[in-house]
């Protein structure tokens, strides 16, 4: 199994176990691993068992989102502007409406 990990993880594993097998992703494969990590962290947010765990997983998810933005050369300000524009058109999540769809 191969997966993207934070920069210090190989060092931590090596200090604990004496050996770690890793390599630095190249540009071709980085997008694949970043987006897989995005899904992984989203799943962990969903699976959080309490508020502290939820906050930790959201922090991890945000870190991956920031990495995706950097990789794609998108500024947080650009995304925030689009978010605000969508708020004006579609509003926000406050009343918790659930849309039913016929199958």
N, C-alpha and C. Protein backbone atom coordinates (compact mmCIF):
# COMPACT_ATOMS: atom_id res chain seq x y z
N UNK A 1 0.84 -1.19 0.00
CA UNK A 1 0.00 0.00 0.00
C UNK A 1 0.88 1.24 0.00
N UNK A 2 0.50 2.19 -0.79
CA UNK A 2 1.19 3.48 -0.83
C UNK A 2 0.19 4.57 -0.51
N UNK A 3 0.60 5.52 0.33
CA UNK A 3 -0.27 6.65 0.62
C UNK A 3 0.59 7.85 0.99
N UNK A 4 0.04 9.01 0.76
CA UNK A 4 0.69 10.26 1.10
C UNK A 4 0.66 10.44 2.61
N UNK A 5 1.80 10.83 3.18
CA UNK A 5 1.89 11.09 4.62
C UNK A 5 2.54 12.45 4.84
N UNK A 6 2.34 12.97 6.03
CA UNK A 6 2.97 14.24 6.38
C UNK A 6 4.49 14.11 6.35
N UNK A 7 5.17 15.24 6.18
CA UNK A 7 6.61 15.25 5.95
C UNK A 7 7.45 14.57 7.03
N UNK A 8 7.04 14.63 8.27
CA UNK A 8 7.86 14.07 9.34
C UNK A 8 7.54 12.61 9.66
N UNK A 9 6.52 12.06 9.04
CA UNK A 9 6.13 10.68 9.34
C UNK A 9 7.24 9.67 9.05
N UNK A 10 7.93 9.73 7.90
CA UNK A 10 9.02 8.76 7.69
C UNK A 10 10.10 8.83 8.79
N UNK A 11 10.43 10.04 9.21
CA UNK A 11 11.43 10.23 10.26
C UNK A 11 10.95 9.61 11.59
N UNK A 12 9.69 9.82 11.92
CA UNK A 12 9.12 9.27 13.15
C UNK A 12 9.12 7.75 13.11
N UNK A 13 8.68 7.18 11.99
CA UNK A 13 8.66 5.71 11.86
C UNK A 13 10.07 5.15 11.94
N UNK A 14 11.01 5.80 11.26
CA UNK A 14 12.39 5.33 11.28
C UNK A 14 12.97 5.35 12.70
N UNK A 15 12.66 6.40 13.47
CA UNK A 15 13.19 6.47 14.83
C UNK A 15 12.59 5.40 15.74
N UNK A 16 11.34 4.99 15.46
CA UNK A 16 10.68 3.98 16.27
C UNK A 16 11.04 2.56 15.85
N UNK A 17 11.17 2.33 14.55
CA UNK A 17 11.35 0.96 14.05
C UNK A 17 12.70 0.73 13.37
N UNK A 18 13.47 1.78 13.16
CA UNK A 18 14.79 1.64 12.56
C UNK A 18 14.79 1.58 11.05
N UNK A 19 13.63 1.42 10.44
CA UNK A 19 13.56 1.33 8.98
C UNK A 19 12.21 1.83 8.52
N UNK A 20 12.21 2.49 7.38
CA UNK A 20 10.96 2.90 6.75
C UNK A 20 11.19 2.93 5.24
N UNK A 21 10.23 2.44 4.50
CA UNK A 21 10.30 2.42 3.04
C UNK A 21 9.42 3.55 2.52
N UNK A 22 10.03 4.56 1.90
CA UNK A 22 9.27 5.68 1.37
C UNK A 22 10.01 6.28 0.19
N UNK A 23 9.32 7.09 -0.56
CA UNK A 23 9.95 7.86 -1.63
C UNK A 23 9.17 9.15 -1.79
N UNK A 24 9.76 10.10 -2.47
CA UNK A 24 9.10 11.39 -2.70
C UNK A 24 8.30 11.29 -4.00
N UNK A 25 7.02 11.66 -3.93
CA UNK A 25 6.13 11.60 -5.09
C UNK A 25 6.61 12.54 -6.18
N UNK A 26 6.45 12.12 -7.42
CA UNK A 26 6.76 13.01 -8.53
C UNK A 26 5.49 13.76 -8.94
N UNK A 27 5.64 14.74 -9.79
CA UNK A 27 4.51 15.58 -10.20
C UNK A 27 3.38 14.78 -10.82
N UNK A 28 3.72 13.73 -11.59
CA UNK A 28 2.70 12.93 -12.27
C UNK A 28 1.77 12.23 -11.28
N UNK A 29 2.32 11.70 -10.20
CA UNK A 29 1.50 10.92 -9.28
C UNK A 29 0.99 11.71 -8.09
N UNK A 30 1.51 12.89 -7.86
CA UNK A 30 1.14 13.65 -6.67
C UNK A 30 -0.35 13.95 -6.62
N UNK A 31 -0.94 14.35 -7.73
CA UNK A 31 -2.37 14.67 -7.73
C UNK A 31 -3.19 13.46 -7.27
N UNK A 32 -2.88 12.30 -7.79
CA UNK A 32 -3.58 11.07 -7.41
C UNK A 32 -3.51 10.87 -5.89
N UNK A 33 -2.32 10.97 -5.32
CA UNK A 33 -2.15 10.75 -3.90
C UNK A 33 -2.81 11.84 -3.06
N UNK A 34 -2.76 13.09 -3.53
CA UNK A 34 -3.42 14.18 -2.80
C UNK A 34 -4.93 13.96 -2.74
N UNK A 35 -5.52 13.59 -3.85
CA UNK A 35 -6.97 13.41 -3.87
C UNK A 35 -7.40 12.15 -3.12
N UNK A 36 -6.57 11.12 -3.13
CA UNK A 36 -6.85 9.95 -2.29
C UNK A 36 -6.81 10.34 -0.81
N UNK A 37 -5.85 11.18 -0.44
CA UNK A 37 -5.73 11.64 0.95
C UNK A 37 -6.93 12.49 1.33
N UNK A 38 -7.42 13.28 0.41
CA UNK A 38 -8.61 14.10 0.65
C UNK A 38 -9.80 13.22 1.00
N UNK A 39 -9.99 12.14 0.26
CA UNK A 39 -11.08 11.21 0.54
C UNK A 39 -10.85 10.50 1.88
N UNK A 40 -9.62 10.06 2.12
CA UNK A 40 -9.30 9.39 3.39
C UNK A 40 -9.61 10.28 4.58
N UNK A 41 -9.19 11.51 4.52
CA UNK A 41 -9.42 12.42 5.64
C UNK A 41 -10.91 12.75 5.78
N UNK A 42 -11.63 12.86 4.68
CA UNK A 42 -13.08 13.09 4.74
C UNK A 42 -13.77 11.93 5.44
N UNK A 43 -13.36 10.71 5.11
CA UNK A 43 -13.92 9.52 5.77
C UNK A 43 -13.65 9.56 7.27
N UNK A 44 -12.45 9.98 7.65
CA UNK A 44 -12.10 10.04 9.07
C UNK A 44 -12.91 11.11 9.80
N UNK A 45 -13.24 12.20 9.14
CA UNK A 45 -14.13 13.20 9.73
C UNK A 45 -15.49 12.55 10.01
N UNK A 46 -16.01 11.83 9.03
CA UNK A 46 -17.31 11.17 9.16
C UNK A 46 -17.30 10.15 10.30
N UNK A 47 -16.19 9.46 10.49
CA UNK A 47 -16.10 8.39 11.48
C UNK A 47 -15.69 8.87 12.87
N UNK A 48 -15.44 10.14 13.05
CA UNK A 48 -15.02 10.66 14.37
C UNK A 48 -16.06 10.31 15.43
N UNK A 49 -15.58 9.92 16.60
CA UNK A 49 -16.46 9.42 17.65
C UNK A 49 -16.84 10.46 18.71
N UNK A 50 -16.13 11.58 18.74
CA UNK A 50 -16.45 12.62 19.72
C UNK A 50 -15.97 13.97 19.18
N UNK A 51 -16.26 15.01 19.92
CA UNK A 51 -15.96 16.37 19.45
C UNK A 51 -14.46 16.60 19.27
N UNK A 52 -13.64 16.11 20.20
CA UNK A 52 -12.19 16.29 20.10
C UNK A 52 -11.66 15.59 18.86
N UNK A 53 -12.08 14.35 18.67
CA UNK A 53 -11.65 13.59 17.48
C UNK A 53 -12.13 14.28 16.21
N UNK A 54 -13.35 14.80 16.23
CA UNK A 54 -13.89 15.51 15.08
C UNK A 54 -13.04 16.73 14.74
N UNK A 55 -12.67 17.50 15.75
CA UNK A 55 -11.85 18.69 15.51
C UNK A 55 -10.48 18.30 14.96
N UNK A 56 -9.90 17.23 15.48
CA UNK A 56 -8.59 16.77 14.98
C UNK A 56 -8.69 16.33 13.53
N UNK A 57 -9.74 15.61 13.19
CA UNK A 57 -9.90 15.14 11.82
C UNK A 57 -10.21 16.28 10.86
N UNK A 58 -10.97 17.26 11.31
CA UNK A 58 -11.23 18.44 10.47
C UNK A 58 -9.92 19.19 10.24
N UNK A 59 -9.08 19.30 11.26
CA UNK A 59 -7.78 19.95 11.10
C UNK A 59 -6.94 19.21 10.06
N UNK A 60 -6.95 17.87 10.11
CA UNK A 60 -6.22 17.09 9.11
C UNK A 60 -6.78 17.31 7.71
N UNK A 61 -8.10 17.34 7.61
CA UNK A 61 -8.75 17.57 6.32
C UNK A 61 -8.38 18.95 5.77
N UNK A 62 -8.39 19.95 6.63
CA UNK A 62 -7.99 21.30 6.19
C UNK A 62 -6.56 21.32 5.69
N UNK A 63 -5.68 20.59 6.36
CA UNK A 63 -4.28 20.55 5.94
C UNK A 63 -4.16 19.96 4.53
N UNK A 64 -4.94 18.94 4.24
CA UNK A 64 -4.92 18.35 2.90
C UNK A 64 -5.53 19.32 1.89
N UNK A 65 -6.59 19.99 2.28
CA UNK A 65 -7.19 20.99 1.39
C UNK A 65 -6.16 22.08 1.05
N UNK A 66 -5.43 22.55 2.04
CA UNK A 66 -4.39 23.55 1.79
C UNK A 66 -3.32 22.99 0.84
N UNK A 67 -2.97 21.72 0.99
CA UNK A 67 -1.99 21.10 0.10
C UNK A 67 -2.51 21.02 -1.33
N UNK A 68 -3.79 20.69 -1.49
CA UNK A 68 -4.40 20.64 -2.82
C UNK A 68 -4.39 22.04 -3.44
N UNK A 69 -4.76 23.04 -2.66
CA UNK A 69 -4.75 24.42 -3.17
C UNK A 69 -3.35 24.81 -3.64
N UNK A 70 -2.35 24.48 -2.85
CA UNK A 70 -0.97 24.80 -3.22
C UNK A 70 -0.58 24.06 -4.50
N UNK A 71 -0.90 22.77 -4.57
CA UNK A 71 -0.57 21.97 -5.75
C UNK A 71 -1.22 22.54 -7.01
N UNK A 72 -2.48 22.96 -6.89
CA UNK A 72 -3.23 23.47 -8.04
C UNK A 72 -3.02 24.97 -8.26
N UNK A 73 -2.18 25.59 -7.42
CA UNK A 73 -1.90 27.03 -7.51
C UNK A 73 -3.18 27.86 -7.41
N UNK A 74 -3.98 27.54 -6.41
CA UNK A 74 -5.22 28.25 -6.12
C UNK A 74 -5.07 28.90 -4.76
N UNK A 75 -5.44 30.16 -4.66
CA UNK A 75 -5.33 30.83 -3.36
C UNK A 75 -6.58 30.57 -2.52
N UNK A 76 -6.40 30.61 -1.23
CA UNK A 76 -7.53 30.47 -0.31
C UNK A 76 -8.51 31.62 -0.52
N UNK A 77 -8.00 32.79 -0.86
CA UNK A 77 -8.86 33.94 -1.10
C UNK A 77 -9.78 33.70 -2.30
N UNK A 78 -9.25 33.06 -3.35
CA UNK A 78 -10.07 32.74 -4.53
C UNK A 78 -11.22 31.80 -4.14
N UNK A 79 -10.90 30.80 -3.36
CA UNK A 79 -11.91 29.84 -2.94
C UNK A 79 -12.93 30.52 -2.04
N UNK A 80 -12.45 31.36 -1.15
CA UNK A 80 -13.35 32.06 -0.23
C UNK A 80 -14.30 32.98 -1.00
N UNK A 81 -13.81 33.61 -2.04
CA UNK A 81 -14.67 34.46 -2.87
C UNK A 81 -15.77 33.64 -3.53
N UNK A 82 -15.43 32.49 -4.06
CA UNK A 82 -16.42 31.61 -4.69
C UNK A 82 -17.42 31.12 -3.65
N UNK A 83 -16.93 30.78 -2.46
CA UNK A 83 -17.82 30.35 -1.37
C UNK A 83 -18.84 31.44 -1.05
N UNK A 84 -18.38 32.69 -0.98
CA UNK A 84 -19.28 33.80 -0.67
C UNK A 84 -20.30 34.03 -1.79
N UNK A 85 -19.86 33.89 -3.02
CA UNK A 85 -20.78 34.03 -4.16
C UNK A 85 -21.85 32.95 -4.11
N UNK A 86 -21.47 31.74 -3.76
CA UNK A 86 -22.45 30.65 -3.66
C UNK A 86 -23.43 30.90 -2.52
N UNK A 87 -22.95 31.50 -1.44
CA UNK A 87 -23.84 31.83 -0.33
C UNK A 87 -24.96 32.75 -0.78
N UNK A 88 -24.60 33.72 -1.61
CA UNK A 88 -25.60 34.67 -2.09
C UNK A 88 -26.63 34.00 -2.99
N UNK A 89 -26.21 33.00 -3.75
CA UNK A 89 -27.11 32.32 -4.69
C UNK A 89 -27.87 31.17 -4.04
N UNK A 90 -27.20 30.41 -3.21
CA UNK A 90 -27.79 29.17 -2.69
C UNK A 90 -27.94 29.15 -1.17
N UNK A 91 -27.47 30.17 -0.53
CA UNK A 91 -27.49 30.29 0.91
C UNK A 91 -26.51 29.34 1.57
N UNK A 92 -26.84 28.82 2.73
CA UNK A 92 -25.88 28.05 3.53
C UNK A 92 -26.57 26.85 4.12
N UNK A 93 -25.88 26.16 4.99
CA UNK A 93 -26.45 25.02 5.71
C UNK A 93 -26.84 25.49 7.11
N UNK A 94 -28.10 25.86 7.26
CA UNK A 94 -28.55 26.32 8.57
C UNK A 94 -29.84 25.63 8.98
N UNK A 95 -30.73 25.40 8.03
CA UNK A 95 -32.02 24.79 8.36
C UNK A 95 -32.04 23.29 8.14
N UNK A 96 -31.00 22.75 7.54
CA UNK A 96 -30.79 21.30 7.41
C UNK A 96 -31.85 20.59 6.58
N UNK A 97 -32.18 21.17 5.44
CA UNK A 97 -33.13 20.54 4.53
C UNK A 97 -32.51 19.31 3.89
N UNK A 98 -33.31 18.27 3.74
CA UNK A 98 -32.89 17.04 3.07
C UNK A 98 -33.74 16.92 1.80
N UNK A 99 -33.09 16.83 0.67
CA UNK A 99 -33.77 16.71 -0.61
C UNK A 99 -33.99 15.23 -0.91
N UNK A 100 -35.23 14.89 -1.21
CA UNK A 100 -35.56 13.52 -1.59
C UNK A 100 -35.45 13.41 -3.10
N UNK A 101 -34.86 12.32 -3.56
CA UNK A 101 -34.76 12.08 -4.99
C UNK A 101 -35.40 10.74 -5.29
N UNK A 102 -36.18 10.69 -6.35
CA UNK A 102 -36.76 9.43 -6.79
C UNK A 102 -35.71 8.62 -7.51
N UNK A 103 -35.70 7.33 -7.25
CA UNK A 103 -34.71 6.45 -7.91
C UNK A 103 -35.22 5.93 -9.20
